[in-house]
Each structure stands twice: as C-alpha cells, then as structure tokens.
C-alpha cells in the first residue's frame, strides 16, 4: 500500500509543526513538501519515513510517480 506524505503524517498522529520540528525545517518548508514530495531531499525523506513507521517506497515511490519518470 502506498501513502501520500500527508496521509502518512495523519495516520501517525503528527501535526505539520511536529514533523517540521523533527526534520529540523521550517513548517512552511514541510507544508511545501506535502504538496510536492518530489522536492524533498532524500535524507529528509528517509527521516520522515522512519518517523511515520513506513518504508520510503511506501510514501515516495508510488505507482504514479514511477511511471512519470
């Protein structure tokens, strides 16, 4: 099963502010990433996936994103 960044965050019970703090970025930066996860640096993506308890591939490599590359 794949999740959007927002879905993974919500399922994990985090607010955008909490995730931004954990990733050591401004909340507005994190919000931008929720809208377009392709802009998220790989190191931050790995940390977010660990925070949400999901694999990187479950959040960032959906069927649609791999087809468009």
PDB file of N, CA and C in Angstrom:
ATOM      1  N   UNK A   1       0.841  -1.178   0.000  1.00  0.00           N
ATOM      2  CA  UNK A   1       0.000   0.000   0.000  1.00  0.00           C
ATOM      3  C   UNK A   1       0.889   1.245   0.000  1.00  0.00           C
ATOM      4  N   UNK A   2       0.472   2.251  -0.732  1.00  0.00           N
ATOM      5  CA  UNK A   2       1.237   3.486  -0.757  1.00  0.00           C
ATOM      6  C   UNK A   2       0.434   4.615  -0.107  1.00  0.00           C
ATOM      7  N   UNK A   3       1.158   5.587   0.400  1.00  0.00           N
ATOM      8  CA  UNK A   3       0.563   6.709   1.107  1.00  0.00           C
ATOM      9  C   UNK A   3       1.142   8.007   0.559  1.00  0.00           C
ATOM     10  N   UNK A   4       0.351   9.069   0.616  1.00  0.00           N
ATOM     11  CA  UNK A   4       0.935  10.381   0.369  1.00  0.00           C
ATOM     12  C   UNK A   4       1.658  10.789   1.650  1.00  0.00           C
ATOM     13  N   UNK A   5       2.498  11.775   1.544  1.00  0.00           N
ATOM     14  CA  UNK A   5       3.203  12.275   2.722  1.00  0.00           C
ATOM     15  C   UNK A   5       2.197  12.731   3.774  1.00  0.00           C
ATOM     16  N   UNK A   6       1.152  13.416   3.343  1.00  0.00           N
ATOM     17  CA  UNK A   6       0.128  13.895   4.274  1.00  0.00           C
ATOM     18  C   UNK A   6      -0.601  12.727   4.935  1.00  0.00           C
ATOM     19  N   UNK A   7      -0.968  11.720   4.152  1.00  0.00           N
ATOM     20  CA  UNK A   7      -1.660  10.563   4.721  1.00  0.00           C
ATOM     21  C   UNK A   7      -0.790   9.862   5.764  1.00  0.00           C
ATOM     22  N   UNK A   8       0.479   9.682   5.446  1.00  0.00           N
ATOM     23  CA  UNK A   8       1.388   9.029   6.394  1.00  0.00           C
ATOM     24  C   UNK A   8       1.492   9.831   7.671  1.00  0.00           C
ATOM     25  N   UNK A   9       1.567  11.154   7.546  1.00  0.00           N
ATOM     26  CA  UNK A   9       1.637  12.015   8.733  1.00  0.00           C
ATOM     27  C   UNK A   9       0.373  11.888   9.570  1.00  0.00           C
ATOM     28  N   UNK A  10      -0.782  12.000   8.922  1.00  0.00           N
ATOM     29  CA  UNK A  10      -2.050  11.935   9.649  1.00  0.00           C
ATOM     30  C   UNK A  10      -2.246  10.582  10.324  1.00  0.00           C
ATOM     31  N   UNK A  11      -1.910   9.511   9.620  1.00  0.00           N
ATOM     32  CA  UNK A  11      -2.044   8.171  10.210  1.00  0.00           C
ATOM     33  C   UNK A  11      -1.119   7.980  11.409  1.00  0.00           C
ATOM     34  N   UNK A  12      -0.024   8.714  11.422  1.00  0.00           N
ATOM     35  CA  UNK A  12       0.930   8.620  12.526  1.00  0.00           C
ATOM     36  C   UNK A  12       0.580   9.558  13.681  1.00  0.00           C
ATOM     37  N   UNK A  13      -0.391  10.443  13.465  1.00  0.00           N
ATOM     38  CA  UNK A  13      -0.859  11.326  14.526  1.00  0.00           C
ATOM     39  C   UNK A  13      -0.012  12.570  14.756  1.00  0.00           C
ATOM     40  N   UNK A  14       0.770  12.957  13.774  1.00  0.00           N
ATOM     41  CA  UNK A  14       1.616  14.145  13.903  1.00  0.00           C
ATOM     42  C   UNK A  14       0.958  15.358  13.263  1.00  0.00           C
ATOM     43  N   UNK A  15       1.270  16.537  13.805  1.00  0.00           N
ATOM     44  CA  UNK A  15       0.893  17.780  13.144  1.00  0.00           C
ATOM     45  C   UNK A  15       2.017  18.160  12.186  1.00  0.00           C
ATOM     46  N   UNK A  16       1.730  19.081  11.281  1.00  0.00           N
ATOM     47  CA  UNK A  16       2.768  19.564  10.380  1.00  0.00           C
ATOM     48  C   UNK A  16       3.907  20.207  11.174  1.00  0.00           C
ATOM     49  N   UNK A  17       3.556  20.942  12.214  1.00  0.00           N
ATOM     50  CA  UNK A  17       4.575  21.608  13.040  1.00  0.00           C
ATOM     51  C   UNK A  17       5.482  20.590  13.729  1.00  0.00           C
ATOM     52  N   UNK A  18       4.906  19.507  14.218  1.00  0.00           N
ATOM     53  CA  UNK A  18       5.708  18.477  14.882  1.00  0.00           C
ATOM     54  C   UNK A  18       6.681  17.819  13.914  1.00  0.00           C
ATOM     55  N   UNK A  19       6.208  17.514  12.729  1.00  0.00           N
ATOM     56  CA  UNK A  19       7.076  16.875  11.737  1.00  0.00           C
ATOM     57  C   UNK A  19       8.186  17.836  11.323  1.00  0.00           C
ATOM     58  N   UNK A  20       7.826  19.080  11.082  1.00  0.00           N
ATOM     59  CA  UNK A  20       8.830  20.075  10.708  1.00  0.00           C
ATOM     60  C   UNK A  20       9.915  20.170  11.774  1.00  0.00           C
ATOM     61  N   UNK A  21       9.523  20.163  13.039  1.00  0.00           N
ATOM     62  CA  UNK A  21      10.497  20.223  14.127  1.00  0.00           C
ATOM     63  C   UNK A  21      11.396  18.986  14.124  1.00  0.00           C
ATOM     64  N   UNK A  22      10.811  17.818  13.933  1.00  0.00           N
ATOM     65  CA  UNK A  22      11.589  16.575  13.898  1.00  0.00           C
ATOM     66  C   UNK A  22      12.566  16.551  12.720  1.00  0.00           C
ATOM     67  N   UNK A  23      12.152  17.156  11.599  1.00  0.00           N
ATOM     68  CA  UNK A  23      13.006  17.177  10.415  1.00  0.00           C
ATOM     69  C   UNK A  23      13.956  18.366  10.410  1.00  0.00           C
ATOM     70  N   UNK A  24      13.815  19.232  11.410  1.00  0.00           N
ATOM     71  CA  UNK A  24      14.657  20.417  11.558  1.00  0.00           C
ATOM     72  C   UNK A  24      14.526  21.355  10.352  1.00  0.00           C
ATOM     73  N   UNK A  25      13.270  21.617   9.986  1.00  0.00           N
ATOM     74  CA  UNK A  25      12.976  22.564   8.911  1.00  0.00           C
ATOM     75  C   UNK A  25      11.832  23.470   9.359  1.00  0.00           C
ATOM     76  N   UNK A  26      11.646  24.572   8.664  1.00  0.00           N
ATOM     77  CA  UNK A  26      10.523  25.470   8.943  1.00  0.00           C
ATOM     78  C   UNK A  26       9.232  24.772   8.541  1.00  0.00           C
ATOM     79  N   UNK A  27       8.161  25.062   9.252  1.00  0.00           N
ATOM     80  CA  UNK A  27       6.863  24.447   8.969  1.00  0.00           C
ATOM     81  C   UNK A  27       6.431  24.690   7.523  1.00  0.00           C
ATOM     82  N   UNK A  28       6.688  25.881   6.997  1.00  0.00           N
ATOM     83  CA  UNK A  28       6.293  26.192   5.622  1.00  0.00           C
ATOM     84  C   UNK A  28       7.043  25.314   4.614  1.00  0.00           C
ATOM     85  N   UNK A  29       8.275  24.972   4.933  1.00  0.00           N
ATOM     86  CA  UNK A  29       9.043  24.073   4.066  1.00  0.00           C
ATOM     87  C   UNK A  29       8.391  22.698   4.040  1.00  0.00           C
ATOM     88  N   UNK A  30       8.010  22.209   5.221  1.00  0.00           N
ATOM     89  CA  UNK A  30       7.359  20.907   5.280  1.00  0.00           C
ATOM     90  C   UNK A  30       6.022  20.922   4.536  1.00  0.00           C
ATOM     91  N   UNK A  31       5.251  21.982   4.692  1.00  0.00           N
ATOM     92  CA  UNK A  31       3.965  22.095   4.003  1.00  0.00           C
ATOM     93  C   UNK A  31       4.179  22.021   2.493  1.00  0.00           C
ATOM     94  N   UNK A  32       5.213  22.692   2.004  1.00  0.00           N
ATOM     95  CA  UNK A  32       5.535  22.641   0.569  1.00  0.00           C
ATOM     96  C   UNK A  32       5.829  21.200   0.151  1.00  0.00           C
ATOM     97  N   UNK A  33       6.558  20.472   0.973  1.00  0.00           N
ATOM     98  CA  UNK A  33       6.878  19.085   0.650  1.00  0.00           C
ATOM     99  C   UNK A  33       5.633  18.217   0.618  1.00  0.00           C
ATOM    100  N   UNK A  34       4.661  18.486   1.504  1.00  0.00           N
ATOM    101  CA  UNK A  34       3.418  17.706   1.476  1.00  0.00           C
ATOM    102  C   UNK A  34       2.697  17.905   0.148  1.00  0.00           C
ATOM    103  N   UNK A  35       2.812  19.082  -0.412  1.00  0.00           N
ATOM    104  CA  UNK A  35       2.167  19.372  -1.694  1.00  0.00           C
ATOM    105  C   UNK A  35       2.918  18.745  -2.860  1.00  0.00           C
ATOM    106  N   UNK A  36       4.249  18.647  -2.730  1.00  0.00           N
ATOM    107  CA  UNK A  36       5.079  18.088  -3.798  1.00  0.00           C
ATOM    108  C   UNK A  36       6.270  17.367  -3.177  1.00  0.00           C
ATOM    109  N   UNK A  37       6.072  16.109  -2.823  1.00  0.00           N
ATOM    110  CA  UNK A  37       7.106  15.340  -2.135  1.00  0.00           C
ATOM    111  C   UNK A  37       8.345  15.129  -2.991  1.00  0.00           C
ATOM    112  N   UNK A  38       8.235  15.324  -4.298  1.00  0.00           N
ATOM    113  CA  UNK A  38       9.398  15.160  -5.168  1.00  0.00           C
ATOM    114  C   UNK A  38      10.494  16.174  -4.854  1.00  0.00           C
ATOM    115  N   UNK A  39      10.136  17.294  -4.208  1.00  0.00           N
ATOM    116  CA  UNK A  39      11.112  18.327  -3.854  1.00  0.00           C
ATOM    117  C   UNK A  39      11.878  18.020  -2.567  1.00  0.00           C
ATOM    118  N   UNK A  40      11.466  17.009  -1.835  1.00  0.00           N
ATOM    119  CA  UNK A  40      12.052  16.707  -0.526  1.00  0.00           C
ATOM    120  C   UNK A  40      13.410  16.029  -0.690  1.00  0.00           C
ATOM    121  N   UNK A  41      14.441  16.544  -0.022  1.00  0.00           N
ATOM    122  CA  UNK A  41      15.759  15.893  -0.084  1.00  0.00           C
ATOM    123  C   UNK A  41      15.689  14.461   0.455  1.00  0.00           C
ATOM    124  N   UNK A  42      16.486  13.576  -0.105  1.00  0.00           N
ATOM    125  CA  UNK A  42      16.415  12.153   0.256  1.00  0.00           C
ATOM    126  C   UNK A  42      16.669  11.912   1.741  1.00  0.00           C
ATOM    127  N   UNK A  43      17.581  12.658   2.333  1.00  0.00           N
ATOM    128  CA  UNK A  43      17.853  12.490   3.768  1.00  0.00           C
ATOM    129  C   UNK A  43      16.636  12.807   4.618  1.00  0.00           C
ATOM    130  N   UNK A  44      15.928  13.858   4.253  1.00  0.00           N
ATOM    131  CA  UNK A  44      14.705  14.243   4.984  1.00  0.00           C
ATOM    132  C   UNK A  44      13.599  13.228   4.717  1.00  0.00           C
ATOM    133  N   UNK A  45      13.538  12.701   3.492  1.00  0.00           N
ATOM    134  CA  UNK A  45      12.533  11.690   3.157  1.00  0.00           C
ATOM    135  C   UNK A  45      12.741  10.428   3.987  1.00  0.00           C
ATOM    136  N   UNK A  46      13.989  10.022   4.141  1.00  0.00           N
ATOM    137  CA  UNK A  46      14.289   8.834   4.960  1.00  0.00           C
ATOM    138  C   UNK A  46      13.893   9.062   6.413  1.00  0.00           C
ATOM    139  N   UNK A  47      14.220  10.245   6.920  1.00  0.00           N
ATOM    140  CA  UNK A  47      13.895  10.554   8.318  1.00  0.00           C
ATOM    141  C   UNK A  47      12.380  10.598   8.512  1.00  0.00           C
ATOM    142  N   UNK A  48      11.653  11.189   7.556  1.00  0.00           N
ATOM    143  CA  UNK A  48      10.197  11.246   7.649  1.00  0.00           C
ATOM    144  C   UNK A  48       9.595   9.847   7.620  1.00  0.00           C
ATOM    145  N   UNK A  49      10.087   9.000   6.743  1.00  0.00           N
ATOM    146  CA  UNK A  49       9.535   7.647   6.653  1.00  0.00           C
ATOM    147  C   UNK A  49       9.781   6.875   7.948  1.00  0.00           C
ATOM    148  N   UNK A  50      10.937   7.078   8.570  1.00  0.00           N
ATOM    149  CA  UNK A  50      11.209   6.452   9.869  1.00  0.00           C
ATOM    150  C   UNK A  50      10.255   6.987  10.932  1.00  0.00           C
ATOM    151  N   UNK A  51      10.038   8.298  10.926  1.00  0.00           N
ATOM    152  CA  UNK A  51       9.143   8.932  11.885  1.00  0.00           C
ATOM    153  C   UNK A  51       7.728   8.377  11.757  1.00  0.00           C
ATOM    154  N   UNK A  52       7.289   8.145  10.524  1.00  0.00           N
ATOM    155  CA  UNK A  52       5.936   7.652  10.279  1.00  0.00           C
ATOM    156  C   UNK A  52       5.831   6.136  10.350  1.00  0.00           C
ATOM    157  N   UNK A  53       6.956   5.453  10.464  1.00  0.00           N
ATOM    158  CA  UNK A  53       6.921   3.997  10.531  1.00  0.00           C
ATOM    159  C   UNK A  53       6.551   3.346   9.214  1.00  0.00           C
ATOM    160  N   UNK A  54       6.890   4.003   8.122  1.00  0.00           N
ATOM    161  CA  UNK A  54       6.606   3.490   6.777  1.00  0.00           C
ATOM    162  C   UNK A  54       7.909   3.397   6.002  1.00  0.00           C
ATOM    163  N   UNK A  55       7.957   2.556   5.010  1.00  0.00           N
ATOM    164  CA  UNK A  55       9.117   2.488   4.141  1.00  0.00           C
ATOM    165  C   UNK A  55       9.135   3.679   3.199  1.00  0.00           C
ATOM    166  N   UNK A  56      10.309   4.105   2.811  1.00  0.00           N
ATOM    167  CA  UNK A  56      10.435   5.221   1.869  1.00  0.00           C
ATOM    168  C   UNK A  56       9.619   4.939   0.616  1.00  0.00           C
ATOM    169  N   UNK A  57       9.678   3.706   0.148  1.00  0.00           N
ATOM    170  CA  UNK A  57       8.948   3.353  -1.073  1.00  0.00           C
ATOM    171  C   UNK A  57       7.432   3.411  -0.901  1.00  0.00           C
ATOM    172  N   UNK A  58       6.948   3.288   0.331  1.00  0.00           N
ATOM    173  CA  UNK A  58       5.511   3.363   0.577  1.00  0.00           C
ATOM    174  C   UNK A  58       4.988   4.794   0.469  1.00  0.00           C
ATOM    175  N   UNK A  59       5.863   5.768   0.645  1.00  0.00           N
ATOM    176  CA  UNK A  59       5.444   7.170   0.627  1.00  0.00           C
ATOM    177  C   UNK A  59       5.892   7.880  -0.646  1.00  0.00           C
ATOM    178  N   UNK A  60       7.131   7.665  -1.036  1.00  0.00           N
ATOM    179  CA  UNK A  60       7.731   8.495  -2.074  1.00  0.00           C
ATOM    180  C   UNK A  60       7.793   7.858  -3.453  1.00  0.00           C
ATOM    181  N   UNK A  61       7.570   6.570  -3.548  1.00  0.00           N
ATOM    182  CA  UNK A  61       7.646   5.921  -4.850  1.00  0.00           C
ATOM    183  C   UNK A  61       6.342   5.209  -5.146  1.00  0.00           C
ATOM    184  N   UNK A  62       5.328   6.017  -5.398  1.00  0.00           N
ATOM    185  CA  UNK A  62       4.021   5.458  -5.735  1.00  0.00           C
ATOM    186  C   UNK A  62       4.038   4.997  -7.175  1.00  0.00           C
ATOM    187  N   UNK A  63       3.093   4.225  -7.542  1.00  0.00           N
ATOM    188  CA  UNK A  63       2.977   3.723  -8.909  1.00  0.00           C
ATOM    189  C   UNK A  63       2.939   4.879  -9.906  1.00  0.00           C
ATOM    190  N   UNK A  64       2.203   5.935  -9.587  1.00  0.00           N
ATOM    191  CA  UNK A  64       2.073   7.071 -10.493  1.00  0.00           C
ATOM    192  C   UNK A  64       3.405   7.803 -10.670  1.00  0.00           C
ATOM    193  N   UNK A  65       4.160   7.988  -9.574  1.00  0.00           N
ATOM    194  CA  UNK A  65       5.418   8.748  -9.678  1.00  0.00           C
ATOM    195  C   UNK A  65       6.472   7.976 -10.447  1.00  0.00           C
ATOM    196  N   UNK A  66       6.483   6.659 -10.329  1.00  0.00           N
ATOM    197  CA  UNK A  66       7.487   5.895 -11.058  1.00  0.00           C
ATOM    198  C   UNK A  66       7.158   5.821 -12.537  1.00  0.00           C
ATOM    199  N   UNK A  67       5.880   5.883 -12.882  1.00  0.00           N
ATOM    200  CA  UNK A  67       5.508   5.852 -14.292  1.00  0.00           C
ATOM    201  C   UNK A  67       5.849   7.157 -15.001  1.00  0.00           C
ATOM    202  N   UNK A  68       5.850   8.258 -14.271  1.00  0.00           N
ATOM    203  CA  UNK A  68       6.079   9.551 -14.896  1.00  0.00           C
ATOM    204  C   UNK A  68       7.561   9.894 -15.045  1.00  0.00           C
ATOM    205  N   UNK A  69       8.423   9.058 -14.534  1.00  0.00           N
ATOM    206  CA  UNK A  69       9.859   9.339 -14.609  1.00  0.00           C
ATOM    207  C   UNK A  69      10.481   8.765 -15.832  1.00  0.00           C
TER     208      UNK A  69
END
